Amino acid sequence: MSMSTSEILVRAAAIGVGGTLVLDLYAWLLQRAWGIPATNWAMVGRWIGHMPGGRLVQPALPKVRPVPGERTIGWTVHYLIGIGYGLLLVAVAGAGWLQVPTPAASVVLALVLLVLPYFVMMPGMGMGIAASRTPKPNVARLKSVAGHTVFGLGMYLAAVLMAAVAR
């Protein structure tokens, strides 16, 4: 079965949303069951909200002036990044992956993409490279590895579900 370009793009975006939803469910379960705090998306929104003013790095982000709508900005960016990762996955793995998805492609890509939080997001938010300035850097790094792995598995599950429905 051949898919149109628009169908490929919609499926790839939906896979990114699906992976993000699975990640958010995972974070919610960790918080409820073990008290492990989830990402504070308002802080991500605050960081992004200050970028137009030329502040790409915020050494003390929690102390920086709040940005109107920062929680909404953070959550929106979170899902847009998920969509971008879904599109990247299909661009790298090929449209055929949508019909016969494998977990390796999505999980490996999600793990490779750890370069972004380690070298862009964490330093920009004042946490240092790969969370080096946090109280427990290795815990933060492991949490990122686990989260990205779950996200990759979530993209795979979303792709399997879509492939099954399309048949």
Foldseek 3Di string as FASTA:
>chain_A
DDDDPVVLLVLLLQLLLQLLVLLVVVQVCCCVPPVDHDDQLLLVLQLVQCVVVPQQADQASVPDDGDVPSSVSSVVVSSVVSSVLSVVLCVVVDSVCLQVPDLVSLQVSLQVVVQCCQPRVCRRSNLHRQSPNPPDSVVSNVVSNVSSNSSSVSSRVSSVVVNVVVD
